[in-house]
Amino acid sequence: MPPSYRFDPPVIRVRAGTTVTWENRDHFPHTVTLLDGSADLVVQPGQSASLTFDRPGDYPYTCRFHRQAMNGRVIVVSR
């Protein structure tokens, strides 16, 4: 998460069972909020948060604090 109000990269593709980690390199908190409601992680400056994606699917997410600009997607494919 760079300090420019965006997730970088905005879309990633991973295999089922992969743990994805977001690092906050900004000066204020952001969230990783899955739109399906299954996760809502607050990531403080200088910290990171991780989620493991066990099932194939499309997982769009946003930052609750900056929805207008910070959106991303994890595409999970079969092993």
PDB file of N, CA and C in Angstrom:
ATOM      1  N   MET A   1       0.843  -1.180   0.000  1.00  0.00           N
ATOM      2  CA  MET A   1       0.000   0.000   0.000  1.00  0.00           C
ATOM      3  C   MET A   1       0.888   1.241   0.000  1.00  0.00           C
ATOM      4  N   PRO A   2       1.081   1.872  -1.107  1.00  0.00           N
ATOM      5  CA  PRO A   2       1.895   3.077  -1.153  1.00  0.00           C
ATOM      6  C   PRO A   2       1.096   4.283  -0.668  1.00  0.00           C
ATOM      7  N   PRO A   3       1.781   5.408  -0.399  1.00  0.00           N
ATOM      8  CA  PRO A   3       1.084   6.581   0.134  1.00  0.00           C
ATOM      9  C   PRO A   3       0.300   7.376  -0.910  1.00  0.00           C
ATOM     10  N   SER A   4      -0.179   6.731  -1.938  1.00  0.00           N
ATOM     11  CA  SER A   4      -0.888   7.463  -2.989  1.00  0.00           C
ATOM     12  C   SER A   4      -2.346   7.057  -3.110  1.00  0.00           C
ATOM     13  N   TYR A   5      -2.938   6.585  -2.025  1.00  0.00           N
ATOM     14  CA  TYR A   5      -4.358   6.200  -2.018  1.00  0.00           C
ATOM     15  C   TYR A   5      -4.696   5.171  -3.077  1.00  0.00           C
ATOM     16  N   ARG A   6      -3.882   4.133  -3.178  1.00  0.00           N
ATOM     17  CA  ARG A   6      -4.182   3.044  -4.096  1.00  0.00           C
ATOM     18  C   ARG A   6      -3.493   1.780  -3.607  1.00  0.00           C
ATOM     19  N   PHE A   7      -4.035   0.643  -3.986  1.00  0.00           N
ATOM     20  CA  PHE A   7      -3.382  -0.627  -3.736  1.00  0.00           C
ATOM     21  C   PHE A   7      -2.481  -0.910  -4.930  1.00  0.00           C
ATOM     22  N   ASP A   8      -1.289  -1.377  -4.663  1.00  0.00           N
ATOM     23  CA  ASP A   8      -0.329  -1.606  -5.741  1.00  0.00           C
ATOM     24  C   ASP A   8       0.322  -2.972  -5.556  1.00  0.00           C
ATOM     25  N   PRO A   9       0.036  -3.913  -6.441  1.00  0.00           N
ATOM     26  CA  PRO A   9      -0.797  -3.811  -7.633  1.00  0.00           C
ATOM     27  C   PRO A   9      -2.278  -3.888  -7.263  1.00  0.00           C
ATOM     28  N   PRO A  10      -3.141  -3.351  -8.100  1.00  0.00           N
ATOM     29  CA  PRO A  10      -4.568  -3.349  -7.787  1.00  0.00           C
ATOM     30  C   PRO A  10      -5.234  -4.722  -7.945  1.00  0.00           C
ATOM     31  N   VAL A  11      -4.650  -5.580  -8.767  1.00  0.00           N
ATOM     32  CA  VAL A  11      -5.201  -6.919  -8.988  1.00  0.00           C
ATOM     33  C   VAL A  11      -4.056  -7.916  -8.916  1.00  0.00           C
ATOM     34  N   ILE A  12      -4.282  -8.987  -8.145  1.00  0.00           N
ATOM     35  CA  ILE A  12      -3.296 -10.067  -8.136  1.00  0.00           C
ATOM     36  C   ILE A  12      -4.015 -11.387  -8.374  1.00  0.00           C
ATOM     37  N   ARG A  13      -3.265 -12.340  -8.898  1.00  0.00           N
ATOM     38  CA  ARG A  13      -3.783 -13.684  -9.167  1.00  0.00           C
ATOM     39  C   ARG A  13      -2.910 -14.661  -8.393  1.00  0.00           C
ATOM     40  N   VAL A  14      -3.539 -15.491  -7.550  1.00  0.00           N
ATOM     41  CA  VAL A  14      -2.801 -16.438  -6.716  1.00  0.00           C
ATOM     42  C   VAL A  14      -3.474 -17.793  -6.754  1.00  0.00           C
ATOM     43  N   ARG A  15      -2.761 -18.823  -6.331  1.00  0.00           N
ATOM     44  CA  ARG A  15      -3.323 -20.167  -6.222  1.00  0.00           C
ATOM     45  C   ARG A  15      -4.019 -20.320  -4.876  1.00  0.00           C
ATOM     46  N   ALA A  16      -5.039 -21.159  -4.827  1.00  0.00           N
ATOM     47  CA  ALA A  16      -5.741 -21.451  -3.580  1.00  0.00           C
ATOM     48  C   ALA A  16      -4.725 -21.899  -2.532  1.00  0.00           C
ATOM     49  N   GLY A  17      -4.894 -21.427  -1.299  1.00  0.00           N
ATOM     50  CA  GLY A  17      -3.979 -21.728  -0.221  1.00  0.00           C
ATOM     51  C   GLY A  17      -2.910 -20.682   0.004  1.00  0.00           C
ATOM     52  N   THR A  18      -2.866 -19.675  -0.860  1.00  0.00           N
ATOM     53  CA  THR A  18      -1.859 -18.613  -0.758  1.00  0.00           C
ATOM     54  C   THR A  18      -2.246 -17.604   0.311  1.00  0.00           C
ATOM     55  N   THR A  19      -1.251 -17.156   1.067  1.00  0.00           N
ATOM     56  CA  THR A  19      -1.442 -16.067   2.021  1.00  0.00           C
ATOM     57  C   THR A  19      -0.971 -14.772   1.366  1.00  0.00           C
ATOM     58  N   VAL A  20      -1.849 -13.794   1.336  1.00  0.00           N
ATOM     59  CA  VAL A  20      -1.546 -12.483   0.760  1.00  0.00           C
ATOM     60  C   VAL A  20      -1.309 -11.509   1.915  1.00  0.00           C
ATOM     61  N   THR A  21      -0.251 -10.716   1.806  1.00  0.00           N
ATOM     62  CA  THR A  21       0.093  -9.742   2.843  1.00  0.00           C
ATOM     63  C   THR A  21       0.072  -8.341   2.260  1.00  0.00           C
ATOM     64  N   TRP A  22      -0.591  -7.436   2.965  1.00  0.00           N
ATOM     65  CA  TRP A  22      -0.620  -6.021   2.609  1.00  0.00           C
ATOM     66  C   TRP A  22       0.238  -5.268   3.617  1.00  0.00           C
ATOM     67  N   GLU A  23       1.119  -4.408   3.146  1.00  0.00           N
ATOM     68  CA  GLU A  23       1.957  -3.582   4.010  1.00  0.00           C
ATOM     69  C   GLU A  23       1.523  -2.134   3.861  1.00  0.00           C
ATOM     70  N   ASN A  24       1.370  -1.447   4.974  1.00  0.00           N
ATOM     71  CA  ASN A  24       0.985  -0.035   4.938  1.00  0.00           C
ATOM     72  C   ASN A  24       2.238   0.821   5.059  1.00  0.00           C
ATOM     73  N   ARG A  25       2.637   1.428   3.963  1.00  0.00           N
ATOM     74  CA  ARG A  25       3.817   2.296   3.932  1.00  0.00           C
ATOM     75  C   ARG A  25       3.422   3.765   3.958  1.00  0.00           C
ATOM     76  N   ASP A  26       2.200   4.003   4.380  1.00  0.00           N
ATOM     77  CA  ASP A  26       1.656   5.359   4.423  1.00  0.00           C
ATOM     78  C   ASP A  26       1.796   5.932   5.833  1.00  0.00           C
ATOM     79  N   HIS A  27       1.308   7.149   6.030  1.00  0.00           N
ATOM     80  CA  HIS A  27       1.406   7.829   7.318  1.00  0.00           C
ATOM     81  C   HIS A  27       0.118   7.777   8.122  1.00  0.00           C
ATOM     82  N   PHE A  28      -0.885   7.064   7.632  1.00  0.00           N
ATOM     83  CA  PHE A  28      -2.159   6.940   8.341  1.00  0.00           C
ATOM     84  C   PHE A  28      -2.776   5.586   8.027  1.00  0.00           C
ATOM     85  N   PRO A  29      -3.744   5.152   8.822  1.00  0.00           N
ATOM     86  CA  PRO A  29      -4.307   3.809   8.655  1.00  0.00           C
ATOM     87  C   PRO A  29      -5.111   3.643   7.363  1.00  0.00           C
ATOM     88  N   HIS A  30      -5.135   2.397   6.914  1.00  0.00           N
ATOM     89  CA  HIS A  30      -5.978   1.968   5.803  1.00  0.00           C
ATOM     90  C   HIS A  30      -6.615   0.647   6.231  1.00  0.00           C
ATOM     91  N   THR A  31      -7.587   0.190   5.454  1.00  0.00           N
ATOM     92  CA  THR A  31      -8.154  -1.130   5.719  1.00  0.00           C
ATOM     93  C   THR A  31      -8.072  -1.987   4.471  1.00  0.00           C
ATOM     94  N   VAL A  32      -8.157  -3.278   4.696  1.00  0.00           N
ATOM     95  CA  VAL A  32      -8.373  -4.253   3.638  1.00  0.00           C
ATOM     96  C   VAL A  32      -9.718  -4.871   3.999  1.00  0.00           C
ATOM     97  N   THR A  33     -10.761  -4.438   3.291  1.00  0.00           N
ATOM     98  CA  THR A  33     -12.124  -4.855   3.581  1.00  0.00           C
ATOM     99  C   THR A  33     -12.674  -5.626   2.393  1.00  0.00           C
ATOM    100  N   LEU A  34     -12.820  -6.947   2.562  1.00  0.00           N
ATOM    101  CA  LEU A  34     -13.383  -7.750   1.476  1.00  0.00           C
ATOM    102  C   LEU A  34     -14.852  -7.403   1.318  1.00  0.00           C
ATOM    103  N   LEU A  35     -15.282  -7.215   0.079  1.00  0.00           N
ATOM    104  CA  LEU A  35     -16.654  -6.787  -0.181  1.00  0.00           C
ATOM    105  C   LEU A  35     -17.686  -7.854   0.156  1.00  0.00           C
ATOM    106  N   ASP A  36     -17.251  -9.110   0.293  1.00  0.00           N
ATOM    107  CA  ASP A  36     -18.201 -10.154   0.687  1.00  0.00           C
ATOM    108  C   ASP A  36     -18.433 -10.179   2.202  1.00  0.00           C
ATOM    109  N   GLY A  37     -17.752  -9.286   2.929  1.00  0.00           N
ATOM    110  CA  GLY A  37     -17.937  -9.181   4.371  1.00  0.00           C
ATOM    111  C   GLY A  37     -17.133 -10.174   5.194  1.00  0.00           C
ATOM    112  N   SER A  38     -16.293 -10.973   4.568  1.00  0.00           N
ATOM    113  CA  SER A  38     -15.564 -12.015   5.290  1.00  0.00           C
ATOM    114  C   SER A  38     -14.317 -11.531   6.020  1.00  0.00           C
ATOM    115  N   ALA A  39     -13.853 -10.314   5.722  1.00  0.00           N
ATOM    116  CA  ALA A  39     -12.667  -9.784   6.414  1.00  0.00           C
ATOM    117  C   ALA A  39     -12.699  -8.265   6.381  1.00  0.00           C
ATOM    118  N   ASP A  40     -12.221  -7.689   7.469  1.00  0.00           N
ATOM    119  CA  ASP A  40     -12.100  -6.232   7.578  1.00  0.00           C
ATOM    120  C   ASP A  40     -10.897  -5.956   8.475  1.00  0.00           C
ATOM    121  N   LEU A  41      -9.744  -5.778   7.852  1.00  0.00           N
ATOM    122  CA  LEU A  41      -8.492  -5.624   8.580  1.00  0.00           C
ATOM    123  C   LEU A  41      -8.057  -4.165   8.575  1.00  0.00           C
ATOM    124  N   VAL A  42      -7.775  -3.613   9.742  1.00  0.00           N
ATOM    125  CA  VAL A  42      -7.217  -2.266   9.835  1.00  0.00           C
ATOM    126  C   VAL A  42      -5.704  -2.411   9.873  1.00  0.00           C
ATOM    127  N   VAL A  43      -5.020  -1.687   8.986  1.00  0.00           N
ATOM    128  CA  VAL A  43      -3.569  -1.767   8.896  1.00  0.00           C
ATOM    129  C   VAL A  43      -2.989  -0.396   9.243  1.00  0.00           C
ATOM    130  N   GLN A  44      -2.341  -0.339  10.378  1.00  0.00           N
ATOM    131  CA  GLN A  44      -1.749   0.909  10.851  1.00  0.00           C
ATOM    132  C   GLN A  44      -0.473   1.230  10.061  1.00  0.00           C
ATOM    133  N   PRO A  45      -0.036   2.481  10.049  1.00  0.00           N
ATOM    134  CA  PRO A  45       1.209   2.839   9.366  1.00  0.00           C
ATOM    135  C   PRO A  45       2.382   1.976   9.854  1.00  0.00           C
ATOM    136  N   GLY A  46       3.147   1.490   8.908  1.00  0.00           N
ATOM    137  CA  GLY A  46       4.308   0.673   9.229  1.00  0.00           C
ATOM    138  C   GLY A  46       3.996  -0.760   9.585  1.00  0.00           C
ATOM    139  N   GLN A  47       2.735  -1.157   9.540  1.00  0.00           N
ATOM    140  CA  GLN A  47       2.355  -2.522   9.868  1.00  0.00           C
ATOM    141  C   GLN A  47       1.856  -3.260   8.630  1.00  0.00           C
ATOM    142  N   SER A  48       1.587  -4.545   8.805  1.00  0.00           N
ATOM    143  CA  SER A  48       1.060  -5.352   7.711  1.00  0.00           C
ATOM    144  C   SER A  48      -0.069  -6.231   8.234  1.00  0.00           C
ATOM    145  N   ALA A  49      -0.844  -6.768   7.303  1.00  0.00           N
ATOM    146  CA  ALA A  49      -1.931  -7.685   7.626  1.00  0.00           C
ATOM    147  C   ALA A  49      -1.980  -8.735   6.524  1.00  0.00           C
ATOM    148  N   SER A  50      -2.380  -9.945   6.900  1.00  0.00           N
ATOM    149  CA  SER A  50      -2.390 -11.053   5.945  1.00  0.00           C
ATOM    150  C   SER A  50      -3.716 -11.794   5.976  1.00  0.00           C
ATOM    151  N   LEU A  51      -4.070 -12.345   4.827  1.00  0.00           N
ATOM    152  CA  LEU A  51      -5.232 -13.223   4.684  1.00  0.00           C
ATOM    153  C   LEU A  51      -4.831 -14.415   3.830  1.00  0.00           C
ATOM    154  N   THR A  52      -5.314 -15.591   4.207  1.00  0.00           N
ATOM    155  CA  THR A  52      -5.095 -16.780   3.396  1.00  0.00           C
ATOM    156  C   THR A  52      -6.363 -17.051   2.599  1.00  0.00           C
ATOM    157  N   PHE A  53      -6.194 -17.262   1.313  1.00  0.00           N
ATOM    158  CA  PHE A  53      -7.307 -17.504   0.400  1.00  0.00           C
ATOM    159  C   PHE A  53      -7.308 -18.990   0.029  1.00  0.00           C
ATOM    160  N   ASP A  54      -8.188 -19.753   0.677  1.00  0.00           N
ATOM    161  CA  ASP A  54      -8.226 -21.197   0.495  1.00  0.00           C
ATOM    162  C   ASP A  54      -9.084 -21.659  -0.676  1.00  0.00           C
ATOM    163  N   ARG A  55     -10.057 -20.849  -1.068  1.00  0.00           N
ATOM    164  CA  ARG A  55     -10.998 -21.277  -2.110  1.00  0.00           C
ATOM    165  C   ARG A  55     -10.853 -20.426  -3.369  1.00  0.00           C
ATOM    166  N   PRO A  56     -10.928 -21.075  -4.531  1.00  0.00           N
ATOM    167  CA  PRO A  56     -10.911 -20.305  -5.771  1.00  0.00           C
ATOM    168  C   PRO A  56     -12.083 -19.326  -5.811  1.00  0.00           C
ATOM    169  N   GLY A  57     -11.860 -18.190  -6.419  1.00  0.00           N
ATOM    170  CA  GLY A  57     -12.905 -17.188  -6.557  1.00  0.00           C
ATOM    171  C   GLY A  57     -12.328 -15.817  -6.824  1.00  0.00           C
ATOM    172  N   ASP A  58     -13.210 -14.861  -6.871  1.00  0.00           N
ATOM    173  CA  ASP A  58     -12.870 -13.463  -7.142  1.00  0.00           C
ATOM    174  C   ASP A  58     -13.174 -12.687  -5.860  1.00  0.00           C
ATOM    175  N   TYR A  59     -12.173 -12.034  -5.282  1.00  0.00           N
ATOM    176  CA  TYR A  59     -12.319 -11.364  -4.000  1.00  0.00           C
ATOM    177  C   TYR A  59     -12.006  -9.869  -4.133  1.00  0.00           C
ATOM    178  N   PRO A  60     -13.003  -9.059  -4.481  1.00  0.00           N
ATOM    179  CA  PRO A  60     -12.779  -7.616  -4.520  1.00  0.00           C
ATOM    180  C   PRO A  60     -12.695  -7.067  -3.092  1.00  0.00           C
ATOM    181  N   TYR A  61     -11.892  -6.026  -2.930  1.00  0.00           N
ATOM    182  CA  TYR A  61     -11.738  -5.413  -1.616  1.00  0.00           C
ATOM    183  C   TYR A  61     -11.558  -3.903  -1.758  1.00  0.00           C
ATOM    184  N   THR A  62     -11.699  -3.204  -0.642  1.00  0.00           N
ATOM    185  CA  THR A  62     -11.579  -1.752  -0.625  1.00  0.00           C
ATOM    186  C   THR A  62     -10.933  -1.322   0.683  1.00  0.00           C
ATOM    187  N   CYS A  63     -10.575  -0.056   0.754  1.00  0.00           N
ATOM    188  CA  CYS A  63     -10.210   0.572   2.024  1.00  0.00           C
ATOM    189  C   CYS A  63     -11.462   1.300   2.502  1.00  0.00           C
ATOM    190  N   ARG A  64     -11.971   0.920   3.667  1.00  0.00           N
ATOM    191  CA  ARG A  64     -13.183   1.567   4.200  1.00  0.00           C
ATOM    192  C   ARG A  64     -13.016   3.074   4.353  1.00  0.00           C
ATOM    193  N   PHE A  65     -11.798   3.525   4.639  1.00  0.00           N
ATOM    194  CA  PHE A  65     -11.549   4.943   4.871  1.00  0.00           C
ATOM    195  C   PHE A  65     -11.420   5.743   3.578  1.00  0.00           C
ATOM    196  N   HIS A  66     -11.098   5.070   2.472  1.00  0.00           N
ATOM    197  CA  HIS A  66     -10.838   5.761   1.198  1.00  0.00           C
ATOM    198  C   HIS A  66     -11.460   5.002   0.027  1.00  0.00           C
ATOM    199  N   ARG A  67     -12.729   4.621   0.182  1.00  0.00           N
ATOM    200  CA  ARG A  67     -13.426   3.807  -0.833  1.00  0.00           C
ATOM    201  C   ARG A  67     -13.388   4.398  -2.243  1.00  0.00           C
ATOM    202  N   GLN A  68     -13.419   5.703  -2.321  1.00  0.00           N
ATOM    203  CA  GLN A  68     -13.482   6.345  -3.634  1.00  0.00           C
ATOM    204  C   GLN A  68     -12.237   6.095  -4.473  1.00  0.00           C
ATOM    205  N   ALA A  69     -11.102   5.789  -3.829  1.00  0.00           N
ATOM    206  CA  ALA A  69      -9.867   5.653  -4.590  1.00  0.00           C
ATOM    207  C   ALA A  69      -9.169   4.309  -4.411  1.00  0.00           C
ATOM    208  N   MET A  70      -9.353   3.674  -3.264  1.00  0.00           N
ATOM    209  CA  MET A  70      -8.571   2.477  -2.954  1.00  0.00           C
ATOM    210  C   MET A  70      -9.425   1.221  -3.092  1.00  0.00           C
ATOM    211  N   ASN A  71      -9.244   0.546  -4.223  1.00  0.00           N
ATOM    212  CA  ASN A  71      -9.961  -0.693  -4.495  1.00  0.00           C
ATOM    213  C   ASN A  71      -8.996  -1.693  -5.104  1.00  0.00           C
ATOM    214  N   GLY A  72      -9.218  -2.961  -4.814  1.00  0.00           N
ATOM    215  CA  GLY A  72      -8.354  -3.997  -5.354  1.00  0.00           C
ATOM    216  C   GLY A  72      -9.122  -5.288  -5.532  1.00  0.00           C
ATOM    217  N   ARG A  73      -8.401  -6.308  -5.989  1.00  0.00           N
ATOM    218  CA  ARG A  73      -9.041  -7.592  -6.267  1.00  0.00           C
ATOM    219  C   ARG A  73      -7.984  -8.694  -6.160  1.00  0.00           C
ATOM    220  N   VAL A  74      -8.369  -9.771  -5.484  1.00  0.00           N
ATOM    221  CA  VAL A  74      -7.553 -10.978  -5.444  1.00  0.00           C
ATOM    222  C   VAL A  74      -8.316 -12.040  -6.225  1.00  0.00           C
ATOM    223  N   ILE A  75      -7.688 -12.566  -7.256  1.00  0.00           N
ATOM    224  CA  ILE A  75      -8.283 -13.643  -8.050  1.00  0.00           C
ATOM    225  C   ILE A  75      -7.575 -14.923  -7.635  1.00  0.00           C
ATOM    226  N   VAL A  76      -8.345 -15.863  -7.119  1.00  0.00           N
ATOM    227  CA  VAL A  76      -7.786 -17.108  -6.608  1.00  0.00           C
ATOM    228  C   VAL A  76      -8.172 -18.238  -7.551  1.00  0.00           C
ATOM    229  N   VAL A  77      -7.150 -18.959  -8.039  1.00  0.00           N
ATOM    230  CA  VAL A  77      -7.372 -20.068  -8.957  1.00  0.00           C
ATOM    231  C   VAL A  77      -7.044 -21.384  -8.244  1.00  0.00           C
ATOM    232  N   SER A  78      -7.514 -22.491  -8.795  1.00  0.00           N
ATOM    233  CA  SER A  78      -7.265 -23.809  -8.211  1.00  0.00           C
ATOM    234  C   SER A  78      -5.769 -24.102  -8.159  1.00  0.00           C
ATOM    235  N   ARG A  79      -5.424 -24.953  -7.238  1.00  0.00           N
ATOM    236  CA  ARG A  79      -4.020 -25.367  -7.097  1.00  0.00           C
ATOM    237  C   ARG A  79      -3.627 -26.148  -8.298  1.00  0.00           C
TER     238      ARG A  79
END
